Amino acid sequence: MKDLEITIENKAGTLALLGETLGKHSISLEGGGVFGNGEHSIAHFLVEEADRAKEVLAQVGITVTKINDVIVQKLQQDVPGQLGTFCRELANAHVNILTQYSDHSNQLIVVVDNYEKAKEISDKWMQVWWS
């Protein structure tokens, strides 16, 4: 899975075009969101085929600004504070979270500034909480 970072115009129909285009090419969105910021919005979507998604979106004038590796982290939903605890582990290792959202399986998705270090922390987290 990869995260697509997309800047789109903040106007009616742009997100519809994005979704329709990916759907027409059988590219499923597995999580993500769109955040308005004036005349433009920043979208982050989780997809299996990031390079193909970038190509088909370009055909309709939507530019993928970046394809990001992601940390997919399962949290124990019934334990309060899991998000804070995991994010603190990253912060203590000087890993900055650039983007955070959930996928359709209620897993935490994070884009970070140091993927390798975050992956180590994520793997250790899984051993402690899920073994």
Protein backbone atom coordinates (compact mmCIF):
# COMPACT_ATOMS: atom_id res chain seq x y z
CA MET A 1 0.00 0.00 0.00
CA LYS A 2 1.07 3.55 -0.73
CA ASP A 3 -0.27 6.97 0.14
CA LEU A 4 -1.08 9.34 -2.70
CA GLU A 5 -0.63 13.01 -1.83
CA ILE A 6 -2.74 15.09 -4.20
CA THR A 7 -3.42 18.82 -4.39
CA ILE A 8 -6.81 19.47 -5.96
CA GLU A 9 -8.91 22.54 -6.58
CA ASN A 10 -11.34 23.22 -3.77
CA LYS A 11 -14.46 23.35 -5.93
CA ALA A 12 -17.55 21.28 -6.50
CA GLY A 13 -16.95 18.21 -8.64
CA THR A 14 -13.18 17.86 -8.26
CA LEU A 15 -13.32 15.06 -5.71
CA ALA A 16 -16.07 13.41 -7.76
CA LEU A 17 -13.79 13.44 -10.81
CA LEU A 18 -10.96 11.93 -8.78
CA GLY A 19 -13.16 9.14 -7.40
CA GLU A 20 -14.87 8.43 -10.71
CA THR A 21 -11.56 8.27 -12.57
CA LEU A 22 -10.01 5.82 -10.14
CA GLY A 23 -13.20 3.75 -10.03
CA LYS A 24 -13.39 3.60 -13.82
CA HIS A 25 -9.90 2.08 -13.77
CA SER A 26 -10.74 -0.35 -10.92
CA ILE A 27 -8.42 1.38 -8.45
CA SER A 28 -9.89 1.17 -4.97
CA LEU A 29 -9.36 3.75 -2.24
CA GLU A 30 -8.54 1.86 0.96
CA GLY A 31 -8.58 4.88 3.27
CA GLY A 32 -7.80 8.57 3.32
CA GLY A 33 -9.29 12.00 3.42
CA VAL A 34 -9.39 15.49 1.94
CA PHE A 35 -8.61 18.67 3.82
CA GLY A 36 -9.60 22.09 2.48
CA ASN A 37 -7.13 24.94 2.59
CA GLY A 38 -8.45 27.98 0.75
CA GLU A 39 -8.61 27.55 -3.02
CA HIS A 40 -6.97 24.13 -2.88
CA SER A 41 -7.40 20.96 -0.89
CA ILE A 42 -4.83 18.38 0.09
CA ALA A 43 -5.96 14.79 -0.38
CA HIS A 44 -4.27 11.69 0.97
CA PHE A 45 -5.54 8.31 -0.20
CA LEU A 46 -4.30 4.79 0.42
CA VAL A 47 -4.08 2.65 -2.73
CA GLU A 48 -2.54 -0.61 -3.91
CA GLU A 49 -1.48 0.62 -7.36
CA ALA A 50 0.00 4.06 -6.72
CA ASP A 51 1.90 4.45 -9.99
CA ARG A 52 -1.11 3.45 -12.08
CA ALA A 53 -3.36 5.75 -10.04
CA LYS A 54 -0.96 8.63 -10.70
CA GLU A 55 -1.06 7.92 -14.43
CA VAL A 56 -4.85 7.76 -14.76
CA LEU A 57 -5.36 10.87 -12.63
CA ALA A 58 -2.89 12.78 -14.79
CA GLN A 59 -5.05 11.95 -17.82
CA VAL A 60 -7.87 14.05 -16.33
CA GLY A 61 -5.65 16.88 -15.10
CA ILE A 62 -5.25 15.80 -11.46
CA THR A 63 -1.65 15.77 -10.30
CA VAL A 64 -0.34 13.40 -7.67
CA THR A 65 2.32 15.50 -5.95
CA LYS A 66 3.91 12.63 -4.05
CA ILE A 67 3.69 8.89 -3.48
CA ASN A 68 4.53 8.02 0.11
CA ASP A 69 5.44 4.82 1.90
CA VAL A 70 3.13 4.23 4.84
CA ILE A 71 3.23 2.61 8.24
CA VAL A 72 0.11 0.49 8.70
CA GLN A 73 -0.38 0.05 12.43
CA LYS A 74 -3.04 -1.97 14.21
CA LEU A 75 -4.08 -0.42 17.50
CA GLN A 76 -6.12 -2.09 20.20
CA GLN A 77 -9.34 -0.13 19.82
CA ASP A 78 -10.59 -1.05 23.30
CA VAL A 79 -7.48 0.37 25.03
CA PRO A 80 -7.77 4.15 25.56
CA GLY A 81 -4.67 6.14 24.65
CA GLN A 82 -3.26 3.79 22.01
CA LEU A 83 -2.91 6.57 19.43
CA GLY A 84 -1.07 8.80 21.90
CA THR A 85 1.19 6.00 23.10
CA PHE A 86 2.19 4.95 19.59
CA CYS A 87 2.72 8.54 18.46
CA ARG A 88 4.83 9.20 21.57
CA GLU A 89 7.05 6.23 20.63
CA LEU A 90 7.62 7.83 17.23
CA ALA A 91 8.22 11.27 18.73
CA ASN A 92 10.72 9.90 21.26
CA ALA A 93 12.67 8.48 18.30
CA HIS A 94 12.53 11.90 16.57
CA VAL A 95 10.17 10.63 13.88
CA ASN A 96 7.70 13.27 12.71
CA ILE A 97 4.24 12.26 11.52
CA LEU A 98 3.40 14.13 8.31
CA THR A 99 -0.03 12.60 7.69
CA GLN A 100 -2.33 10.35 9.73
CA TYR A 101 -5.64 8.70 8.89
CA SER A 102 -7.39 5.32 9.14
CA ASP A 103 -7.99 2.67 6.53
CA HIS A 104 -11.19 0.71 5.98
CA SER A 105 -10.00 -1.95 8.45
CA ASN A 106 -9.69 0.62 11.27
CA GLN A 107 -5.91 0.51 11.12
CA LEU A 108 -3.78 3.59 11.70
CA ILE A 109 -2.04 4.88 8.57
CA VAL A 110 0.89 7.25 9.01
CA VAL A 111 3.25 8.96 6.61
CA VAL A 112 6.45 9.90 8.41
CA ASP A 113 9.70 11.72 7.75
CA ASN A 114 11.83 8.65 8.61
CA TYR A 115 10.15 5.52 7.28
CA GLU A 116 12.89 3.06 8.31
CA LYS A 117 12.97 4.20 11.94
CA ALA A 118 9.16 4.27 12.11
CA LYS A 119 8.99 0.75 10.67
CA GLU A 120 11.31 -0.50 13.45
CA ILE A 121 9.07 1.10 16.08
CA SER A 122 5.94 -0.27 14.44
CA ASP A 123 7.36 -3.80 14.32
CA LYS A 124 8.30 -3.63 18.02
CA TRP A 125 4.85 -2.26 18.84
CA MET A 126 3.23 -5.24 17.13
CA GLN A 127 5.39 -7.67 19.15
CA VAL A 128 4.50 -6.02 22.46
CA TRP A 129 0.77 -5.47 21.92
CA TRP A 130 -0.18 -8.37 19.65
CA SER A 131 1.97 -11.33 20.67
